[in-house]
Amino acid sequence: MRPPQPAGQPAQLSTRPAARSSSQPAGTVRLIGGLYKRSKLTVAIHPGLRPTPDRVRETLFNWLGQDLLGLRCLDAFAGTGALGLEAASRRASTVCLLERDPALVQALRSTVQRLGAAQVQVQQADALAWMAAATPGAWDVVFLDPPFAAATTGGVYLRALALARPLLAPGGLVYLEAPLPWSDAMLEPLGLRLQRQGRAGQVHYHLLAAAHNAAP
């Protein structure tokens, strides 16, 4: 997969408390491209559940490419599954959705069955524990979109990024969605570097690659 061109660094991480997204659960969201375009995903009323906005997903898959044929994608904090299912819709060969809440897992499995998405696996698991035990180098894209409240718990984002880095195959990418921006200076100790960065309201989104001088 051809890496995107680097972009400038965003602002340093603020010390202010993180604000929650202003968007409220809409009942459903739609997949925006690929084989399952316009398919509806249920958005349950659930604490911290905040689907990635359409415009952010559109930008992300412009960065990644509209055809992910053959790529292996891990959606570590799946929630509604919007990110992982968008990848599956664009012909990713394997997609793994991790979610620890039983009700959300059941909803994800129902959606996968309805779509007939045989390449998608849903696992009920804590994302951090699962990634810590996962096989290194097995994924081409790792999606990280923890609940925004995790920004106040001190370390969930840091831990998720540290665990995601060893999982990347050569040329692999990490997508990070967070309430605050991450810079190259913050990512360098984790063996990652910024490729692209954007903002939509209170959502900061980033595409990251392995740093050239980082160990696998």
N, C-alpha and C. Protein backbone atom coordinates (compact mmCIF):
# COMPACT_ATOMS: atom_id res chain seq x y z
N MET A 1 0.85 -1.19 0.00
CA MET A 1 0.00 0.00 0.00
C MET A 1 0.88 1.23 0.00
N ARG A 2 0.65 2.17 -0.90
CA ARG A 2 1.48 3.35 -1.00
C ARG A 2 1.15 4.29 0.14
N PRO A 3 2.16 4.72 0.93
CA PRO A 3 1.87 5.61 2.05
C PRO A 3 1.49 6.99 1.57
N PRO A 4 0.60 7.71 2.29
CA PRO A 4 0.25 9.07 1.93
C PRO A 4 1.45 9.98 2.13
N GLN A 5 1.39 11.17 1.52
CA GLN A 5 2.45 12.14 1.69
C GLN A 5 2.37 12.76 3.08
N PRO A 6 3.52 13.03 3.73
CA PRO A 6 3.51 13.61 5.06
C PRO A 6 2.86 14.97 5.06
N ALA A 7 2.31 15.32 6.23
CA ALA A 7 1.71 16.64 6.41
C ALA A 7 2.41 17.32 7.56
N GLY A 8 2.12 18.60 7.78
CA GLY A 8 2.72 19.33 8.88
C GLY A 8 2.23 18.85 10.22
N GLN A 9 2.96 19.20 11.26
CA GLN A 9 2.60 18.76 12.59
C GLN A 9 1.43 19.55 13.12
N PRO A 10 0.50 18.91 13.84
CA PRO A 10 -0.56 19.64 14.50
C PRO A 10 -0.04 20.27 15.79
N ALA A 11 -0.91 21.00 16.45
CA ALA A 11 -0.53 21.65 17.70
C ALA A 11 -0.25 20.62 18.77
N GLN A 12 0.54 21.01 19.78
CA GLN A 12 0.85 20.12 20.89
C GLN A 12 -0.41 19.81 21.70
N LEU A 13 -0.38 18.67 22.38
CA LEU A 13 -1.51 18.22 23.18
C LEU A 13 -1.80 19.22 24.29
N SER A 14 -3.04 19.65 24.38
CA SER A 14 -3.45 20.60 25.41
C SER A 14 -3.62 19.89 26.73
N THR A 15 -3.47 20.64 27.82
CA THR A 15 -3.67 20.08 29.15
C THR A 15 -5.10 20.30 29.63
N ARG A 16 -5.92 20.94 28.82
CA ARG A 16 -7.31 21.17 29.23
C ARG A 16 -8.08 19.87 29.24
N PRO A 17 -9.10 19.74 30.09
CA PRO A 17 -9.93 18.52 30.09
C PRO A 17 -10.58 18.33 28.73
N ALA A 18 -10.69 17.07 28.33
CA ALA A 18 -11.29 16.78 27.03
C ALA A 18 -12.78 17.02 27.06
N ALA A 19 -13.30 17.56 25.96
CA ALA A 19 -14.73 17.76 25.83
C ALA A 19 -15.32 16.61 25.04
N ARG A 20 -16.52 16.23 25.35
CA ARG A 20 -17.19 15.18 24.62
C ARG A 20 -17.68 15.71 23.29
N SER A 21 -17.80 14.82 22.34
CA SER A 21 -18.33 15.22 21.05
C SER A 21 -19.74 15.76 21.22
N SER A 22 -20.07 16.78 20.41
CA SER A 22 -21.40 17.37 20.51
C SER A 22 -22.45 16.54 19.80
N SER A 23 -22.02 15.58 18.96
CA SER A 23 -22.98 14.77 18.25
C SER A 23 -23.64 13.77 19.19
N GLN A 24 -24.92 13.57 19.04
CA GLN A 24 -25.69 12.65 19.85
C GLN A 24 -26.01 11.41 19.04
N PRO A 25 -26.25 10.26 19.70
CA PRO A 25 -26.62 9.05 18.97
C PRO A 25 -27.80 9.30 18.04
N ALA A 26 -27.64 8.93 16.79
CA ALA A 26 -28.65 9.26 15.79
C ALA A 26 -29.59 8.10 15.50
N GLY A 27 -29.42 6.97 16.15
CA GLY A 27 -30.25 5.81 15.85
C GLY A 27 -29.61 4.91 14.82
N THR A 28 -29.19 5.50 13.69
CA THR A 28 -28.47 4.75 12.66
C THR A 28 -27.44 5.66 12.00
N VAL A 29 -26.40 5.04 11.47
CA VAL A 29 -25.49 5.71 10.54
C VAL A 29 -25.39 4.82 9.31
N ARG A 30 -24.94 5.40 8.21
CA ARG A 30 -24.84 4.66 6.97
C ARG A 30 -23.39 4.50 6.54
N LEU A 31 -23.07 3.35 5.98
CA LEU A 31 -21.78 3.18 5.32
C LEU A 31 -21.76 4.05 4.07
N ILE A 32 -20.63 4.67 3.79
CA ILE A 32 -20.62 5.70 2.77
C ILE A 32 -19.98 5.29 1.45
N GLY A 33 -19.41 4.08 1.39
CA GLY A 33 -18.79 3.67 0.13
C GLY A 33 -18.63 2.18 0.01
N GLY A 34 -18.30 1.72 -1.19
CA GLY A 34 -17.97 0.32 -1.40
C GLY A 34 -19.17 -0.59 -1.61
N LEU A 35 -18.93 -1.88 -1.35
CA LEU A 35 -19.93 -2.91 -1.61
C LEU A 35 -21.18 -2.74 -0.78
N TYR A 36 -21.04 -2.23 0.44
CA TYR A 36 -22.18 -2.11 1.36
C TYR A 36 -22.65 -0.66 1.48
N LYS A 37 -22.33 0.15 0.50
CA LYS A 37 -22.70 1.57 0.54
C LYS A 37 -24.18 1.75 0.83
N ARG A 38 -24.47 2.70 1.74
CA ARG A 38 -25.81 3.07 2.20
C ARG A 38 -26.42 2.07 3.18
N SER A 39 -25.71 0.99 3.50
CA SER A 39 -26.21 0.07 4.52
C SER A 39 -26.23 0.76 5.87
N LYS A 40 -27.29 0.50 6.64
CA LYS A 40 -27.46 1.16 7.93
C LYS A 40 -26.82 0.36 9.05
N LEU A 41 -26.18 1.09 9.98
CA LEU A 41 -25.65 0.50 11.20
C LEU A 41 -26.40 1.09 12.38
N THR A 42 -26.80 0.24 13.31
CA THR A 42 -27.54 0.69 14.48
C THR A 42 -26.60 1.40 15.45
N VAL A 43 -27.05 2.55 15.95
CA VAL A 43 -26.31 3.28 16.98
C VAL A 43 -27.11 3.19 18.27
N ALA A 44 -26.66 2.33 19.17
CA ALA A 44 -27.36 2.15 20.45
C ALA A 44 -27.11 3.35 21.35
N ILE A 45 -28.05 3.60 22.27
CA ILE A 45 -27.83 4.61 23.30
C ILE A 45 -26.92 3.98 24.34
N HIS A 46 -25.66 4.36 24.31
CA HIS A 46 -24.66 3.68 25.14
C HIS A 46 -23.61 4.69 25.54
N PRO A 47 -23.19 4.71 26.81
CA PRO A 47 -22.18 5.68 27.25
C PRO A 47 -20.90 5.58 26.44
N GLY A 48 -20.46 6.73 25.92
CA GLY A 48 -19.20 6.77 25.19
C GLY A 48 -19.29 6.35 23.74
N LEU A 49 -20.45 5.84 23.28
CA LEU A 49 -20.57 5.39 21.90
C LEU A 49 -20.78 6.61 21.00
N ARG A 50 -19.83 6.83 20.10
CA ARG A 50 -19.83 8.02 19.27
C ARG A 50 -19.29 7.63 17.90
N PRO A 51 -20.18 7.29 16.95
CA PRO A 51 -19.69 6.84 15.64
C PRO A 51 -18.85 7.90 14.96
N THR A 52 -17.85 7.47 14.23
CA THR A 52 -17.03 8.39 13.46
C THR A 52 -17.90 9.12 12.44
N PRO A 53 -17.88 10.45 12.42
CA PRO A 53 -18.74 11.21 11.51
C PRO A 53 -18.50 10.86 10.04
N ASP A 54 -19.54 11.01 9.23
CA ASP A 54 -19.44 10.69 7.81
C ASP A 54 -18.28 11.42 7.15
N ARG A 55 -18.14 12.72 7.41
CA ARG A 55 -17.11 13.49 6.71
C ARG A 55 -15.71 13.03 7.10
N VAL A 56 -15.56 12.54 8.34
CA VAL A 56 -14.26 12.03 8.77
C VAL A 56 -13.98 10.71 8.08
N ARG A 57 -14.98 9.82 8.03
CA ARG A 57 -14.78 8.55 7.33
C ARG A 57 -14.48 8.77 5.85
N GLU A 58 -15.15 9.74 5.25
CA GLU A 58 -14.88 10.03 3.84
C GLU A 58 -13.44 10.47 3.64
N THR A 59 -12.95 11.34 4.52
CA THR A 59 -11.56 11.79 4.42
C THR A 59 -10.59 10.64 4.66
N LEU A 60 -10.87 9.84 5.68
CA LEU A 60 -10.00 8.71 6.00
C LEU A 60 -9.83 7.79 4.81
N PHE A 61 -10.94 7.44 4.16
CA PHE A 61 -10.83 6.48 3.06
C PHE A 61 -10.39 7.14 1.76
N ASN A 62 -10.37 8.44 1.70
CA ASN A 62 -9.63 9.11 0.63
C ASN A 62 -8.14 8.96 0.87
N TRP A 63 -7.73 9.04 2.14
CA TRP A 63 -6.31 8.85 2.48
C TRP A 63 -5.87 7.41 2.23
N LEU A 64 -6.66 6.46 2.71
CA LEU A 64 -6.28 5.05 2.61
C LEU A 64 -6.45 4.51 1.19
N GLY A 65 -7.39 5.07 0.47
CA GLY A 65 -7.75 4.57 -0.85
C GLY A 65 -9.13 3.93 -0.80
N GLN A 66 -9.84 4.00 -1.89
CA GLN A 66 -11.20 3.48 -1.92
C GLN A 66 -11.25 1.97 -2.10
N ASP A 67 -10.16 1.38 -2.54
CA ASP A 67 -10.09 -0.08 -2.72
C ASP A 67 -8.99 -0.63 -1.81
N LEU A 68 -9.39 -1.36 -0.78
CA LEU A 68 -8.45 -1.94 0.17
C LEU A 68 -8.26 -3.43 -0.08
N LEU A 69 -8.40 -3.84 -1.31
CA LEU A 69 -8.33 -5.25 -1.68
C LEU A 69 -7.09 -5.91 -1.09
N GLY A 70 -7.31 -6.99 -0.32
CA GLY A 70 -6.22 -7.77 0.23
C GLY A 70 -5.67 -7.29 1.55
N LEU A 71 -6.11 -6.13 2.04
CA LEU A 71 -5.57 -5.60 3.29
C LEU A 71 -6.26 -6.24 4.50
N ARG A 72 -5.50 -6.33 5.59
CA ARG A 72 -5.99 -6.88 6.85
C ARG A 72 -6.18 -5.72 7.83
N CYS A 73 -7.39 -5.57 8.34
CA CYS A 73 -7.73 -4.40 9.13
C CYS A 73 -8.27 -4.80 10.50
N LEU A 74 -7.76 -4.13 11.52
CA LEU A 74 -8.19 -4.36 12.90
C LEU A 74 -8.89 -3.10 13.40
N ASP A 75 -10.14 -3.24 13.83
CA ASP A 75 -10.91 -2.15 14.43
C ASP A 75 -10.96 -2.44 15.92
N ALA A 76 -10.06 -1.80 16.69
CA ALA A 76 -9.80 -2.23 18.06
C ALA A 76 -10.85 -1.80 19.06
N PHE A 77 -11.53 -0.69 18.81
CA PHE A 77 -12.60 -0.22 19.70
C PHE A 77 -13.84 -0.05 18.83
N ALA A 78 -14.44 -1.16 18.44
CA ALA A 78 -15.35 -1.17 17.29
C ALA A 78 -16.62 -0.34 17.50
N GLY A 79 -17.27 -0.44 18.65
CA GLY A 79 -18.50 0.31 18.85
C GLY A 79 -19.57 -0.10 17.86
N THR A 80 -19.92 0.80 16.94
CA THR A 80 -20.89 0.47 15.89
C THR A 80 -20.27 -0.33 14.76
N GLY A 81 -18.92 -0.39 14.72
CA GLY A 81 -18.24 -1.09 13.64
C GLY A 81 -18.07 -0.27 12.38
N ALA A 82 -18.37 1.04 12.45
CA ALA A 82 -18.37 1.86 11.24
C ALA A 82 -17.03 1.84 10.51
N LEU A 83 -15.93 1.93 11.25
CA LEU A 83 -14.62 1.98 10.60
C LEU A 83 -14.26 0.63 9.96
N GLY A 84 -14.38 -0.43 10.73
CA GLY A 84 -14.04 -1.74 10.20
C GLY A 84 -14.94 -2.17 9.07
N LEU A 85 -16.22 -1.86 9.17
CA LEU A 85 -17.16 -2.25 8.12
C LEU A 85 -16.98 -1.41 6.86
N GLU A 86 -16.55 -0.15 7.02
CA GLU A 86 -16.20 0.63 5.82
C GLU A 86 -15.02 -0.03 5.11
N ALA A 87 -14.05 -0.53 5.88
CA ALA A 87 -12.91 -1.22 5.27
C ALA A 87 -13.37 -2.50 4.57
N ALA A 88 -14.24 -3.26 5.21
CA ALA A 88 -14.76 -4.47 4.58
C ALA A 88 -15.53 -4.14 3.31
N SER A 89 -16.29 -3.04 3.35
CA SER A 89 -17.05 -2.62 2.18
C SER A 89 -16.14 -2.30 1.01
N ARG A 90 -14.90 -1.90 1.32
CA ARG A 90 -13.91 -1.58 0.28
C ARG A 90 -12.98 -2.75 0.01
N ARG A 91 -13.43 -3.96 0.31
CA ARG A 91 -12.81 -5.22 -0.10
C ARG A 91 -11.55 -5.58 0.69
N ALA A 92 -11.43 -5.10 1.93
CA ALA A 92 -10.37 -5.63 2.78
C ALA A 92 -10.56 -7.14 2.92
N SER A 93 -9.47 -7.88 2.93
CA SER A 93 -9.58 -9.34 2.93
C SER A 93 -9.97 -9.89 4.29
N THR A 94 -9.52 -9.24 5.36
CA THR A 94 -9.83 -9.67 6.72
C THR A 94 -10.08 -8.43 7.56
N VAL A 95 -11.16 -8.45 8.32
CA VAL A 95 -11.47 -7.36 9.24
C VAL A 95 -11.83 -7.98 10.58
N CYS A 96 -11.18 -7.52 11.64
CA CYS A 96 -11.49 -7.99 12.99
C CYS A 96 -12.04 -6.82 13.79
N LEU A 97 -13.23 -7.00 14.35
CA LEU A 97 -13.87 -5.99 15.19
C LEU A 97 -13.77 -6.43 16.64
N LEU A 98 -13.13 -5.62 17.47
CA LEU A 98 -13.02 -5.90 18.91
C LEU A 98 -13.97 -5.00 19.68
N GLU A 99 -14.75 -5.59 20.55
CA GLU A 99 -15.69 -4.82 21.38
C GLU A 99 -15.92 -5.60 22.67
N ARG A 100 -15.86 -4.92 23.81
CA ARG A 100 -16.01 -5.64 25.07
C ARG A 100 -17.43 -5.64 25.61
N ASP A 101 -18.29 -4.73 25.15
CA ASP A 101 -19.66 -4.67 25.67
C ASP A 101 -20.52 -5.74 25.00
N PRO A 102 -21.15 -6.63 25.78
CA PRO A 102 -21.90 -7.74 25.18
C PRO A 102 -23.03 -7.30 24.26
N ALA A 103 -23.75 -6.24 24.62
CA ALA A 103 -24.86 -5.79 23.79
C ALA A 103 -24.35 -5.26 22.45
N LEU A 104 -23.25 -4.53 22.47
CA LEU A 104 -22.69 -4.02 21.23
C LEU A 104 -22.12 -5.15 20.38
N VAL A 105 -21.54 -6.16 21.02
CA VAL A 105 -21.04 -7.32 20.29
C VAL A 105 -22.18 -8.02 19.56
N GLN A 106 -23.30 -8.19 20.25
CA GLN A 106 -24.46 -8.83 19.62
C GLN A 106 -24.95 -8.02 18.43
N ALA A 107 -24.99 -6.70 18.58
CA ALA A 107 -25.41 -5.84 17.48
C ALA A 107 -24.45 -5.94 16.30
N LEU A 108 -23.15 -5.97 16.58
CA LEU A 108 -22.16 -6.10 15.51
C LEU A 108 -22.33 -7.42 14.77
N ARG A 109 -22.52 -8.50 15.50
CA ARG A 109 -22.68 -9.80 14.85
C ARG A 109 -23.94 -9.84 14.00
N SER A 110 -25.00 -9.21 14.45
CA SER A 110 -26.23 -9.14 13.66
C SER A 110 -25.99 -8.36 12.37
N THR A 111 -25.26 -7.25 12.48
CA THR A 111 -24.97 -6.44 11.30
C THR A 111 -24.11 -7.21 10.30
N VAL A 112 -23.08 -7.88 10.78
CA VAL A 112 -22.20 -8.65 9.90
C VAL A 112 -22.99 -9.74 9.19
N GLN A 113 -23.88 -10.40 9.92
CA GLN A 113 -24.70 -11.44 9.30
C GLN A 113 -25.64 -10.85 8.25
N ARG A 114 -26.23 -9.72 8.57
CA ARG A 114 -27.15 -9.07 7.62
C ARG A 114 -26.43 -8.65 6.34
N LEU A 115 -25.22 -8.16 6.48
CA LEU A 115 -24.45 -7.74 5.31
C LEU A 115 -23.88 -8.91 4.52
N GLY A 116 -23.80 -10.07 5.17
CA GLY A 116 -23.15 -11.21 4.52
C GLY A 116 -21.66 -11.01 4.38
N ALA A 117 -21.08 -10.34 5.37
CA ALA A 117 -19.66 -9.98 5.32
C ALA A 117 -18.82 -11.09 5.95
N ALA A 118 -18.56 -12.13 5.18
CA ALA A 118 -17.88 -13.30 5.72
C ALA A 118 -16.43 -13.02 6.11
N GLN A 119 -15.86 -11.94 5.59
CA GLN A 119 -14.46 -11.60 5.91
C GLN A 119 -14.33 -10.86 7.24
N VAL A 120 -15.46 -10.58 7.89
CA VAL A 120 -15.45 -9.81 9.14
C VAL A 120 -15.64 -10.75 10.33
N GLN A 121 -14.74 -10.65 11.30
CA GLN A 121 -14.86 -11.39 12.56
C GLN A 121 -15.15 -10.41 13.69
N VAL A 122 -16.04 -10.80 14.58
CA VAL A 122 -16.36 -9.99 15.75
C VAL A 122 -15.91 -10.75 16.98
N GLN A 123 -15.09 -10.12 17.81
CA GLN A 123 -14.61 -10.76 19.03
C GLN A 123 -14.95 -9.90 20.23
N GLN A 124 -15.54 -10.53 21.24
CA GLN A 124 -15.79 -9.83 22.49
C GLN A 124 -14.50 -9.85 23.29
N ALA A 125 -13.88 -8.69 23.45
CA ALA A 125 -12.57 -8.63 24.08
C ALA A 125 -12.26 -7.20 24.50
N ASP A 126 -11.43 -7.09 25.52
CA ASP A 126 -10.84 -5.81 25.87
C ASP A 126 -9.74 -5.52 24.85
N ALA A 127 -9.82 -4.37 24.19
CA ALA A 127 -8.91 -4.08 23.08
C ALA A 127 -7.45 -4.09 23.52
N LEU A 128 -7.15 -3.49 24.67
CA LEU A 128 -5.76 -3.40 25.10
C LEU A 128 -5.19 -4.77 25.43
N ALA A 129 -5.97 -5.59 26.14
CA ALA A 129 -5.51 -6.94 26.48
C ALA A 129 -5.34 -7.78 25.21
N TRP A 130 -6.26 -7.64 24.29
CA TRP A 130 -6.20 -8.43 23.04
C TRP A 130 -4.96 -8.05 22.24
N MET A 131 -4.71 -6.75 22.09
CA MET A 131 -3.56 -6.32 21.31
C MET A 131 -2.24 -6.73 21.97
N ALA A 132 -2.22 -6.73 23.30
CA ALA A 132 -1.00 -7.12 24.01
C ALA A 132 -0.62 -8.57 23.72
N ALA A 133 -1.61 -9.41 23.43
CA ALA A 133 -1.35 -10.83 23.19
C ALA A 133 -1.35 -11.20 21.71
N ALA A 134 -1.56 -10.23 20.83
CA ALA A 134 -1.73 -10.51 19.40
C ALA A 134 -0.39 -10.77 18.71
N THR A 135 -0.47 -11.43 17.57
CA THR A 135 0.72 -11.73 16.76
C THR A 135 1.28 -10.47 16.14
N PRO A 136 2.55 -10.19 16.32
CA PRO A 136 3.14 -8.99 15.71
C PRO A 136 3.11 -9.05 14.18
N GLY A 137 3.01 -7.88 13.56
CA GLY A 137 3.12 -7.76 12.12
C GLY A 137 1.98 -8.32 11.32
N ALA A 138 0.81 -8.49 11.94
CA ALA A 138 -0.28 -9.20 11.27
C ALA A 138 -1.31 -8.29 10.61
N TRP A 139 -1.18 -6.96 10.76
CA TRP A 139 -2.25 -6.07 10.30
C TRP A 139 -1.70 -4.94 9.43
N ASP A 140 -2.45 -4.63 8.38
CA ASP A 140 -2.07 -3.54 7.48
C ASP A 140 -2.62 -2.20 7.94
N VAL A 141 -3.79 -2.22 8.56
CA VAL A 141 -4.39 -1.00 9.11
C VAL A 141 -4.97 -1.33 10.47
N VAL A 142 -4.65 -0.50 11.47
CA VAL A 142 -5.24 -0.62 12.80
C VAL A 142 -6.01 0.66 13.09
N PHE A 143 -7.30 0.52 13.32
CA PHE A 143 -8.16 1.66 13.66
C PHE A 143 -8.25 1.78 15.18
N LEU A 144 -7.96 2.97 15.71
CA LEU A 144 -8.05 3.23 17.15
C LEU A 144 -8.99 4.40 17.37
N ASP A 145 -10.15 4.11 17.93
CA ASP A 145 -11.12 5.15 18.27
C ASP A 145 -11.70 4.85 19.65
N PRO A 146 -10.88 5.00 20.70
CA PRO A 146 -11.39 4.73 22.05
C PRO A 146 -12.48 5.72 22.43
N PRO A 147 -13.31 5.38 23.43
CA PRO A 147 -14.28 6.36 23.92
C PRO A 147 -13.58 7.66 24.32
N PHE A 148 -14.20 8.79 23.99
CA PHE A 148 -13.56 10.07 24.29
C PHE A 148 -13.28 10.24 25.77
N ALA A 149 -14.08 9.63 26.62
CA ALA A 149 -13.85 9.73 28.06
C ALA A 149 -12.50 9.15 28.45
N ALA A 150 -11.94 8.29 27.60
CA ALA A 150 -10.64 7.69 27.90
C ALA A 150 -9.53 8.72 27.96
N ALA A 151 -9.76 9.90 27.36
CA ALA A 151 -8.74 10.94 27.39
C ALA A 151 -8.48 11.45 28.80
N THR A 152 -9.42 11.25 29.70
CA THR A 152 -9.26 11.73 31.07
C THR A 152 -8.76 10.65 32.01
N THR A 153 -8.58 9.42 31.51
CA THR A 153 -8.16 8.32 32.38
C THR A 153 -6.65 8.16 32.40
N GLY A 154 -5.94 8.96 31.64
CA GLY A 154 -4.48 8.98 31.72
C GLY A 154 -3.82 7.74 31.19
N GLY A 155 -3.71 7.60 29.88
CA GLY A 155 -2.88 6.55 29.34
C GLY A 155 -3.55 5.58 28.39
N VAL A 156 -4.86 5.62 28.21
CA VAL A 156 -5.51 4.67 27.31
C VAL A 156 -5.04 4.89 25.88
N TYR A 157 -5.01 6.13 25.44
CA TYR A 157 -4.55 6.42 24.08
C TYR A 157 -3.08 6.05 23.93
N LEU A 158 -2.28 6.42 24.90
CA LEU A 158 -0.85 6.10 24.86
C LEU A 158 -0.63 4.60 24.80
N ARG A 159 -1.34 3.86 25.64
CA ARG A 159 -1.20 2.41 25.67
C ARG A 159 -1.69 1.78 24.36
N ALA A 160 -2.79 2.28 23.82
CA ALA A 160 -3.32 1.73 22.58
C ALA A 160 -2.34 1.93 21.43
N LEU A 161 -1.73 3.11 21.35
CA LEU A 161 -0.75 3.37 20.30
C LEU A 161 0.48 2.50 20.46
N ALA A 162 0.95 2.35 21.70
CA ALA A 162 2.13 1.53 21.95
C ALA A 162 1.89 0.08 21.57
N LEU A 163 0.68 -0.42 21.81
CA LEU A 163 0.36 -1.80 21.47
C LEU A 163 0.10 -1.99 19.98
N ALA A 164 -0.42 -0.95 19.34
CA ALA A 164 -0.73 -1.06 17.91
C ALA A 164 0.53 -1.10 17.05
N ARG A 165 1.55 -0.38 17.45
CA ARG A 165 2.77 -0.28 16.63
C ARG A 165 3.36 -1.64 16.27
N PRO A 166 3.55 -2.58 17.21
CA PRO A 166 4.13 -3.88 16.83
C PRO A 166 3.22 -4.73 15.94
N LEU A 167 1.95 -4.41 15.90
CA LEU A 167 1.02 -5.21 15.10
C LEU A 167 1.08 -4.88 13.62
N LEU A 168 1.76 -3.78 13.26
CA LEU A 168 1.75 -3.34 11.86
C LEU A 168 2.65 -4.21 10.99
N ALA A 169 2.11 -4.61 9.85
CA ALA A 169 2.91 -5.22 8.80
C ALA A 169 3.76 -4.13 8.15
N PRO A 170 4.80 -4.49 7.39
CA PRO A 170 5.57 -3.47 6.67
C PRO A 170 4.66 -2.58 5.82
N GLY A 171 4.83 -1.27 5.98
CA GLY A 171 3.98 -0.32 5.27
C GLY A 171 2.63 -0.11 5.92
N GLY A 172 2.39 -0.72 7.08
CA GLY A 172 1.10 -0.60 7.74
C GLY A 172 0.86 0.78 8.32
N LEU A 173 -0.42 1.06 8.62
CA LEU A 173 -0.84 2.37 9.09
C LEU A 173 -1.75 2.25 10.30
N VAL A 174 -1.70 3.25 11.16
CA VAL A 174 -2.61 3.36 12.31
C VAL A 174 -3.49 4.58 12.11
N TYR A 175 -4.78 4.40 12.28
CA TYR A 175 -5.70 5.54 12.31
C TYR A 175 -6.05 5.81 13.76
N LEU A 176 -5.89 7.06 14.19
CA LEU A 176 -6.19 7.46 15.57
C LEU A 176 -7.22 8.57 15.56
N GLU A 177 -8.26 8.39 16.35
CA GLU A 177 -9.29 9.42 16.54
C GLU A 177 -9.30 9.79 18.01
N ALA A 178 -9.23 11.09 18.30
CA ALA A 178 -9.06 11.53 19.68
C ALA A 178 -9.65 12.92 19.87
N PRO A 179 -9.91 13.32 21.12
CA PRO A 179 -10.44 14.65 21.37
C PRO A 179 -9.39 15.74 21.34
N LEU A 180 -8.11 15.36 21.26
CA LEU A 180 -7.00 16.31 21.24
C LEU A 180 -5.99 15.87 20.18
N PRO A 181 -5.21 16.81 19.63
CA PRO A 181 -4.26 16.44 18.57
C PRO A 181 -3.00 15.79 19.11
N TRP A 182 -2.41 14.92 18.30
CA TRP A 182 -1.13 14.29 18.60
C TRP A 182 -0.10 14.79 17.60
N SER A 183 1.10 15.10 18.08
CA SER A 183 2.17 15.62 17.23
C SER A 183 3.26 14.57 17.04
N ASP A 184 4.18 14.84 16.12
CA ASP A 184 5.31 13.93 15.91
C ASP A 184 6.16 13.80 17.17
N ALA A 185 6.29 14.89 17.92
CA ALA A 185 7.09 14.82 19.14
C ALA A 185 6.48 13.86 20.15
N MET A 186 5.17 13.77 20.19
CA MET A 186 4.48 12.86 21.10
C MET A 186 4.52 11.42 20.59
N LEU A 187 4.53 11.27 19.26
CA LEU A 187 4.46 9.94 18.66
C LEU A 187 5.82 9.26 18.55
N GLU A 188 6.88 10.06 18.46
CA GLU A 188 8.21 9.50 18.23
C GLU A 188 8.62 8.45 19.26
N PRO A 189 8.38 8.65 20.57
CA PRO A 189 8.76 7.60 21.53
C PRO A 189 8.01 6.29 21.34
N LEU A 190 6.89 6.34 20.62
CA LEU A 190 6.10 5.14 20.37
C LEU A 190 6.49 4.46 19.06
N GLY A 191 7.47 5.01 18.35
CA GLY A 191 7.88 4.43 17.08
C GLY A 191 6.92 4.74 15.95
N LEU A 192 6.18 5.85 16.06
CA LEU A 192 5.21 6.24 15.04
C LEU A 192 5.50 7.66 14.59
N ARG A 193 4.99 7.98 13.40
CA ARG A 193 5.10 9.34 12.89
C ARG A 193 3.80 9.74 12.19
N LEU A 194 3.55 11.02 12.16
CA LEU A 194 2.33 11.55 11.59
C LEU A 194 2.41 11.57 10.06
N GLN A 195 1.36 11.05 9.42
CA GLN A 195 1.24 11.13 7.97
C GLN A 195 0.23 12.19 7.55
N ARG A 196 -0.93 12.12 8.14
CA ARG A 196 -2.00 13.07 7.84
C ARG A 196 -2.72 13.40 9.14
N GLN A 197 -3.32 14.58 9.18
CA GLN A 197 -4.07 14.97 10.37
C GLN A 197 -5.18 15.93 9.96
N GLY A 198 -6.33 15.82 10.64
CA GLY A 198 -7.44 16.70 10.37
C GLY A 198 -8.29 16.90 11.61
N ARG A 199 -9.26 17.79 11.49
CA ARG A 199 -10.16 18.07 12.61
C ARG A 199 -11.55 18.32 12.07
N ALA A 200 -12.54 17.76 12.76
CA ALA A 200 -13.94 18.01 12.46
C ALA A 200 -14.65 18.26 13.79
N GLY A 201 -14.92 19.54 14.09
CA GLY A 201 -15.50 19.87 15.39
C GLY A 201 -14.53 19.52 16.51
N GLN A 202 -14.97 18.69 17.44
CA GLN A 202 -14.13 18.29 18.55
C GLN A 202 -13.34 17.02 18.26
N VAL A 203 -13.45 16.49 17.06
CA VAL A 203 -12.76 15.25 16.69
C VAL A 203 -11.46 15.58 15.96
N HIS A 204 -10.34 15.11 16.51
CA HIS A 204 -9.05 15.19 15.84
C HIS A 204 -8.73 13.79 15.31
N TYR A 205 -8.40 13.70 14.03
CA TYR A 205 -8.13 12.39 13.45
C TYR A 205 -6.77 12.41 12.76
N HIS A 206 -6.09 11.27 12.83
CA HIS A 206 -4.70 11.18 12.43
C HIS A 206 -4.45 9.88 11.69
N LEU A 207 -3.58 9.92 10.68
CA LEU A 207 -3.09 8.71 10.04
C LEU A 207 -1.59 8.62 10.33
N LEU A 208 -1.18 7.50 10.90
CA LEU A 208 0.17 7.34 11.42
C LEU A 208 0.87 6.16 10.74
N ALA A 209 2.18 6.28 10.59
CA ALA A 209 3.00 5.19 10.05
C ALA A 209 4.14 4.90 11.01
N ALA A 210 4.77 3.77 10.83
CA ALA A 210 5.94 3.44 11.63
C ALA A 210 7.07 4.41 11.31
N ALA A 211 7.74 4.89 12.35
CA ALA A 211 8.91 5.74 12.15
C ALA A 211 10.01 4.94 11.50
N HIS A 212 10.77 5.57 10.61
CA HIS A 212 11.79 4.85 9.84
C HIS A 212 12.87 4.24 10.73
N ASN A 213 13.15 4.91 11.85
CA ASN A 213 14.21 4.43 12.72
C ASN A 213 13.71 3.59 13.88
N ALA A 214 12.42 3.19 13.82
CA ALA A 214 11.85 2.43 14.92
C ALA A 214 12.04 0.93 14.69
N ALA A 215 12.24 0.21 15.77
CA ALA A 215 12.32 -1.25 15.68
C ALA A 215 10.94 -1.81 15.40
N PRO A 216 10.80 -2.91 14.66
CA PRO A 216 9.48 -3.50 14.38
C PRO A 216 8.85 -4.03 15.65
